[in-house]
Amino acid sequence: MSTPPDVAAATATIRAGSKSFAAAARLFDRHTRESAVLLYGWCRHCDDAVDGQSLGHRTGLTSGADVAGRVGDELERLTHAAREGDGPVAPAFAGLPEAVRRHAIPHRHPLAHLAGFRMDAAGRRYETLGDTLDYCYGVAGVVGVMMAHVMGVREPAVLDRACDLGLAFQLTNIARDIVEDAENGRVYLPGTWLAEAGIPRDAVARPEHRERLAVTAAQLVAAAEPYYDSARIGIRCLPVRSAWAIATAHGVYREIGQEVVRLGPRAWDRRVSTSRAAKLAHVGRGGVAALLTRGGGPGRRPPRSRDLYRRPD
């Protein structure tokens, strides 16, 4: 069976932009994988457009809140046009309405994702961990919710766990990319944490702050742990192939955070990633976890902690 052009384009985007997600996506069944990559292709395009990147790498083409704001407006316009079938649609947008249609994804979720990017466009400052989590929800937590829809999830309590995984992933990404983001004028660490560490917001990327920054990064990685724990419980509620894919991604991303902590001040000398061998090991462990954690009835799940972030919807 041939692969639809939109799916082929989105798959190429994944392979170039996120090797970790690409490795996990191979484990989905064909139908789920197609929808997941269609959704991811749109998310990746929007992220890169607002960030002035191409497949996760800086291009310098977008700078300034006014420019980013116009990009955000255009992304919203194109997303609406794709949904309404209004004229020719760029490949990155063409797949979104198909994924939304297949899985009855509420349209408020893609709009919430764009709202997360608008926080960047507006130059929002994040003073508390709650502020940072608001951003994480928009750019990643709601993506977890949409991906859960793709996997057939409708139960709100399980969607909460999917959101938790997105939050954990984004907290890990922030810890890994602190210096690169700061060099590009974006600081997602809570301002109160920076003040406690004695790191000026406008000097986060400076080498002389690496020791204290490593302590703050470890604090952020620790903040992600309850969300990884919560998400692990939700994995048992997924179809077995989806559970395998998500358990694999869970392990890969969590290891990235652990490596940031292990490296300490050297964590930003190079971009932290997992090796091919490590990914394969997580594939194996993910498969075992998917098989051993079958049976996710509400009565068998521990309640989600009330201390965790509550998604707006």
Protein backbone atom coordinates (compact mmCIF):
# COMPACT_ATOMS: atom_id res chain seq x y z
CA MET A 1 0.00 0.00 0.00
CA SER A 2 1.46 3.37 -1.02
CA THR A 3 1.95 6.15 1.52
CA PRO A 4 -0.18 9.29 0.99
CA PRO A 5 1.95 12.33 0.00
CA ASP A 6 0.99 14.30 3.11
CA VAL A 7 2.09 11.41 5.33
CA ALA A 8 5.36 10.98 3.42
CA ALA A 9 6.17 14.69 3.80
CA ALA A 10 5.36 14.66 7.52
CA THR A 11 7.43 11.50 8.04
CA ALA A 12 10.43 13.17 6.40
CA THR A 13 9.94 16.14 8.72
CA ILE A 14 9.98 13.88 11.76
CA ARG A 15 13.14 12.08 10.67
CA ALA A 16 14.95 15.39 10.18
CA GLY A 17 13.54 17.28 13.16
CA SER A 18 13.14 14.74 15.98
CA LYS A 19 15.00 11.46 15.94
CA SER A 20 13.54 10.52 19.33
CA PHE A 21 9.95 10.89 18.17
CA ALA A 22 10.77 9.20 14.85
CA ALA A 23 12.11 6.15 16.69
CA ALA A 24 8.98 5.88 18.83
CA ALA A 25 6.56 6.54 15.94
CA ARG A 26 7.75 3.43 14.09
CA LEU A 27 6.15 1.34 16.82
CA PHE A 28 2.59 2.56 16.18
CA ASP A 29 0.24 0.57 13.98
CA ARG A 30 0.01 2.03 10.47
CA HIS A 31 -3.22 3.99 10.95
CA THR A 32 -2.10 5.55 14.24
CA ARG A 33 1.36 6.29 12.85
CA GLU A 34 -0.06 8.12 9.83
CA SER A 35 -2.24 10.36 11.98
CA ALA A 36 0.54 10.96 14.50
CA VAL A 37 3.00 12.08 11.85
CA LEU A 38 0.36 14.31 10.19
CA LEU A 39 -0.24 16.02 13.51
CA TYR A 40 3.47 16.20 14.28
CA GLY A 41 4.25 17.73 10.88
CA TRP A 42 1.92 20.63 11.60
CA CYS A 43 3.22 21.09 15.16
CA ARG A 44 6.85 21.05 13.98
CA HIS A 45 6.18 23.57 11.23
CA CYS A 46 4.43 25.97 13.60
CA ASP A 47 7.17 25.63 16.21
CA ASP A 48 9.91 26.30 13.68
CA ALA A 49 8.08 29.20 12.05
CA VAL A 50 7.60 31.07 15.33
CA ASP A 51 11.10 30.18 16.50
CA GLY A 52 12.86 31.23 13.30
CA GLN A 53 14.13 27.69 12.72
CA SER A 54 14.14 24.97 10.14
CA LEU A 55 13.58 21.50 11.63
CA GLY A 56 14.80 22.61 15.02
CA HIS A 57 17.87 24.55 13.84
CA ARG A 58 18.12 28.32 14.05
CA THR A 59 17.90 30.23 10.75
CA GLY A 60 17.82 33.80 12.03
CA LEU A 61 14.92 34.56 9.68
CA THR A 62 12.50 35.51 12.46
CA SER A 63 13.45 38.05 15.11
CA GLY A 64 11.59 40.45 17.30
CA ALA A 65 8.19 40.17 18.94
CA ASP A 66 6.51 42.11 16.14
CA VAL A 67 7.78 39.71 13.48
CA ALA A 68 6.95 36.67 15.60
CA GLY A 69 3.49 38.11 16.23
CA ARG A 70 2.83 38.41 12.51
CA VAL A 71 4.06 34.84 12.03
CA GLY A 72 1.62 33.72 14.73
CA ASP A 73 -1.24 35.50 12.99
CA GLU A 74 -0.34 33.85 9.71
CA LEU A 75 -0.13 30.39 11.28
CA GLU A 76 -3.58 30.82 12.78
CA ARG A 77 -4.97 32.03 9.45
CA LEU A 78 -3.49 29.07 7.57
CA THR A 79 -4.70 26.62 10.22
CA HIS A 80 -8.25 27.95 9.95
CA ALA A 81 -8.05 27.88 6.14
CA ALA A 82 -6.91 24.26 6.20
CA ARG A 83 -9.75 23.34 8.51
CA GLU A 84 -12.32 25.02 6.29
CA GLY A 85 -10.81 23.68 3.05
CA ASP A 86 -10.38 27.25 1.86
CA GLY A 87 -8.16 27.09 -1.26
CA PRO A 88 -4.74 25.44 -1.77
CA VAL A 89 -3.10 24.36 1.49
CA ALA A 90 0.61 23.99 2.21
CA PRO A 91 1.70 20.39 3.00
CA ALA A 92 2.37 21.13 6.67
CA PHE A 93 -1.22 22.31 7.09
CA ALA A 94 -2.93 19.81 4.79
CA GLY A 95 -2.45 16.91 7.18
CA LEU A 96 -3.90 18.61 10.25
CA PRO A 97 -7.59 18.58 9.22
CA GLU A 98 -7.25 14.93 8.19
CA ALA A 99 -5.93 13.99 11.63
CA VAL A 100 -8.61 16.12 13.31
CA ARG A 101 -11.34 14.52 11.20
CA ARG A 102 -10.16 10.95 11.71
CA HIS A 103 -10.03 11.24 15.49
CA ALA A 104 -12.58 13.94 16.33
CA ILE A 105 -9.93 16.16 17.90
CA PRO A 106 -11.64 19.28 19.29
CA HIS A 107 -10.51 22.33 17.30
CA ARG A 108 -9.79 24.19 20.53
CA HIS A 109 -6.72 21.99 20.97
CA PRO A 110 -4.82 23.14 17.84
CA LEU A 111 -5.77 26.72 18.77
CA ALA A 112 -4.41 26.19 22.29
CA HIS A 113 -1.17 24.99 20.71
CA LEU A 114 -0.91 28.17 18.67
CA ALA A 115 -1.67 30.19 21.81
CA GLY A 116 1.37 28.61 23.43
CA PHE A 117 3.55 29.90 20.61
CA ARG A 118 2.01 33.34 21.02
CA MET A 119 3.48 33.48 24.51
CA ASP A 120 6.87 33.55 22.81
CA ALA A 121 5.67 36.13 20.31
CA ALA A 122 4.50 38.37 23.14
CA GLY A 123 7.82 38.03 24.98
CA ARG A 124 6.10 36.69 28.10
CA ARG A 125 8.19 36.44 31.25
CA TYR A 126 7.85 33.35 33.40
CA GLU A 127 8.17 34.24 37.07
CA THR A 128 6.99 31.02 38.73
CA LEU A 129 6.97 27.34 37.87
CA GLY A 130 3.23 27.69 37.30
CA ASP A 131 3.94 30.32 34.63
CA THR A 132 6.43 27.99 32.95
CA LEU A 133 3.88 25.17 33.04
CA ASP A 134 1.29 27.42 31.36
CA TYR A 135 3.76 27.73 28.48
CA CYS A 136 4.54 24.00 28.57
CA TYR A 137 0.85 23.20 28.29
CA GLY A 138 0.43 25.31 25.16
CA VAL A 139 3.46 24.02 23.30
CA ALA A 140 3.50 20.41 24.53
CA GLY A 141 0.83 19.40 27.03
CA VAL A 142 -2.01 19.97 24.59
CA VAL A 143 -0.02 18.08 21.95
CA GLY A 144 -0.05 15.11 24.33
CA VAL A 145 -3.82 15.46 24.56
CA MET A 146 -4.17 15.52 20.76
CA MET A 147 -1.86 12.54 20.36
CA ALA A 148 -3.94 10.64 22.90
CA HIS A 149 -7.03 11.33 20.76
CA VAL A 150 -5.12 9.82 17.83
CA MET A 151 -4.57 6.69 19.94
CA GLY A 152 -8.28 6.39 20.68
CA VAL A 153 -8.35 7.95 24.16
CA ARG A 154 -11.47 9.86 25.21
CA GLU A 155 -11.53 9.43 29.00
CA PRO A 156 -10.66 12.83 30.61
CA ALA A 157 -8.57 11.24 33.36
CA VAL A 158 -6.36 9.51 30.77
CA LEU A 159 -6.13 12.70 28.70
CA ASP A 160 -4.82 14.37 31.87
CA ARG A 161 -2.02 11.77 31.99
CA ALA A 162 -1.25 12.41 28.31
CA CYS A 163 -0.98 16.10 29.08
CA ASP A 164 1.39 15.24 31.93
CA LEU A 165 3.72 13.47 29.52
CA GLY A 166 3.77 16.51 27.24
CA LEU A 167 4.59 18.72 30.23
CA ALA A 168 7.40 16.38 31.28
CA PHE A 169 8.85 16.35 27.76
CA GLN A 170 8.82 20.14 27.58
CA LEU A 171 10.41 20.62 30.99
CA THR A 172 13.14 18.25 29.81
CA ASN A 173 13.56 20.20 26.57
CA ILE A 174 13.85 23.46 28.49
CA ALA A 175 16.57 22.01 30.74
CA ARG A 176 18.50 20.68 27.75
CA ASP A 177 18.23 23.90 25.73
CA ILE A 178 18.61 26.56 28.47
CA VAL A 179 21.75 28.13 27.05
CA GLU A 180 20.75 27.98 23.37
CA ASP A 181 17.35 29.49 24.17
CA ALA A 182 18.91 32.25 26.29
CA GLU A 183 21.33 33.11 23.49
CA ASN A 184 18.26 33.67 21.33
CA GLY A 185 16.54 35.87 23.91
CA ARG A 186 14.22 33.25 25.41
CA VAL A 187 14.28 32.27 29.05
CA TYR A 188 11.73 29.74 30.27
CA LEU A 189 13.22 29.12 33.72
CA PRO A 190 11.10 30.64 36.49
CA GLY A 191 12.37 34.09 37.41
CA THR A 192 12.10 33.28 41.11
CA TRP A 193 14.47 30.35 40.62
CA LEU A 194 16.98 32.50 38.75
CA ALA A 195 16.84 35.10 41.52
CA GLU A 196 17.49 32.42 44.16
CA ALA A 197 20.47 31.19 42.13
CA GLY A 198 21.81 34.72 41.66
CA ILE A 199 21.66 34.49 37.86
CA PRO A 200 20.50 37.66 36.06
CA ARG A 201 17.82 36.90 33.47
CA ASP A 202 19.82 38.64 30.76
CA ALA A 203 22.99 36.68 31.60
CA VAL A 204 21.72 33.09 31.73
CA ALA A 205 23.96 31.99 28.84
CA ARG A 206 27.18 33.37 30.30
CA PRO A 207 29.83 30.72 31.05
CA GLU A 208 30.52 32.10 34.53
CA HIS A 209 27.02 31.06 35.61
CA ARG A 210 27.30 27.42 34.53
CA GLU A 211 27.75 25.96 38.03
CA ARG A 212 24.67 27.70 39.40
CA LEU A 213 22.74 27.07 36.19
CA ALA A 214 23.41 23.35 36.53
CA VAL A 215 21.76 23.40 39.97
CA THR A 216 18.72 25.21 38.56
CA ALA A 217 18.52 22.81 35.60
CA ALA A 218 18.57 19.86 38.01
CA GLN A 219 15.71 21.53 39.88
CA LEU A 220 13.74 21.68 36.63
CA VAL A 221 14.47 18.04 35.79
CA ALA A 222 13.28 17.11 39.29
CA ALA A 223 10.08 19.09 38.67
CA ALA A 224 9.44 16.93 35.59
CA GLU A 225 9.60 13.65 37.54
CA PRO A 226 6.06 13.70 39.02
CA TYR A 227 4.71 14.26 35.50
CA TYR A 228 6.70 11.34 34.10
CA ASP A 229 5.36 9.20 36.98
CA SER A 230 1.78 10.28 36.30
CA ALA A 231 2.13 9.67 32.58
CA ARG A 232 3.47 6.15 33.16
CA ILE A 233 0.15 5.23 34.78
CA GLY A 234 -1.73 6.50 31.73
CA ILE A 235 0.32 4.35 29.36
CA ARG A 236 -1.41 1.20 30.61
CA CYS A 237 -4.71 2.55 29.21
CA LEU A 238 -3.45 2.70 25.61
CA PRO A 239 -3.69 0.03 22.90
CA VAL A 240 -0.64 -2.19 23.13
CA ARG A 241 1.22 -0.82 20.07
CA SER A 242 0.58 2.76 21.18
CA ALA A 243 1.62 1.89 24.74
CA TRP A 244 4.88 0.49 23.35
CA ALA A 245 5.58 3.66 21.36
CA ILE A 246 4.77 6.01 24.23
CA ALA A 247 6.66 3.97 26.82
CA THR A 248 9.68 4.14 24.51
CA ALA A 249 9.41 7.91 24.09
CA HIS A 250 8.91 8.25 27.85
CA GLY A 251 12.19 6.44 28.50
CA VAL A 252 14.17 8.29 25.84
CA TYR A 253 13.14 11.78 26.94
CA ARG A 254 13.50 11.05 30.63
CA GLU A 255 17.06 9.84 30.01
CA ILE A 256 17.86 13.17 28.32
CA GLY A 257 16.93 14.99 31.52
CA GLN A 258 18.98 12.59 33.60
CA GLU A 259 21.97 13.18 31.32
CA VAL A 260 21.62 16.95 31.74
CA VAL A 261 21.84 16.46 35.50
CA ARG A 262 24.77 14.05 35.20
CA LEU A 263 26.79 16.42 33.04
CA GLY A 264 26.22 19.37 35.37
CA PRO A 265 27.98 22.52 34.11
CA ARG A 266 29.04 20.67 30.93
CA ALA A 267 25.46 19.93 29.91
CA TRP A 268 25.44 22.71 27.33
CA ASP A 269 28.83 22.07 25.73
CA ARG A 270 26.92 20.02 23.15
CA ARG A 271 23.28 19.16 22.58
CA VAL A 272 22.38 16.28 24.87
CA SER A 273 20.77 13.34 23.10
CA THR A 274 20.45 9.57 23.46
CA SER A 275 22.56 7.20 21.40
CA ARG A 276 21.12 4.73 18.92
CA ALA A 277 22.00 1.90 21.29
CA ALA A 278 20.19 3.63 24.15
CA LYS A 279 17.12 4.18 21.97
CA LEU A 280 17.06 0.50 21.06
CA ALA A 281 17.31 -0.39 24.74
CA HIS A 282 14.32 1.84 25.47
CA VAL A 283 12.41 0.17 22.63
CA GLY A 284 12.95 -3.16 24.37
CA ARG A 285 12.02 -1.85 27.80
CA GLY A 286 9.01 -0.05 26.33
CA GLY A 287 7.74 -3.28 24.81
CA VAL A 288 8.03 -5.10 28.13
CA ALA A 289 6.24 -2.25 29.92
CA ALA A 290 3.44 -2.24 27.35
CA LEU A 291 2.82 -5.96 27.87
CA LEU A 292 3.15 -6.02 31.66
CA THR A 293 0.91 -3.05 32.40
CA ARG A 294 -2.24 -4.17 30.58
CA GLY A 295 -5.50 -3.36 32.27
CA GLY A 296 -6.14 0.28 33.01
CA GLY A 297 -9.63 0.36 34.46
CA PRO A 298 -10.31 3.44 36.63
CA GLY A 299 -10.59 1.32 39.77
CA ARG A 300 -7.06 -0.01 39.28
CA ARG A 301 -5.37 3.36 38.81
CA PRO A 302 -4.01 5.44 41.67
CA PRO A 303 -5.55 8.92 41.62
CA ARG A 304 -3.65 11.70 39.93
CA SER A 305 -2.01 14.03 42.43
CA ARG A 306 -3.87 17.26 43.04
CA ASP A 307 -0.52 19.04 43.22
CA LEU A 308 0.04 18.55 39.48
CA TYR A 309 -0.82 21.15 36.86
CA ARG A 310 -4.45 21.18 35.77
CA ARG A 311 -4.97 21.63 32.03
CA PRO A 312 -7.25 24.59 31.24
CA ASP A 313 -9.87 22.58 29.34
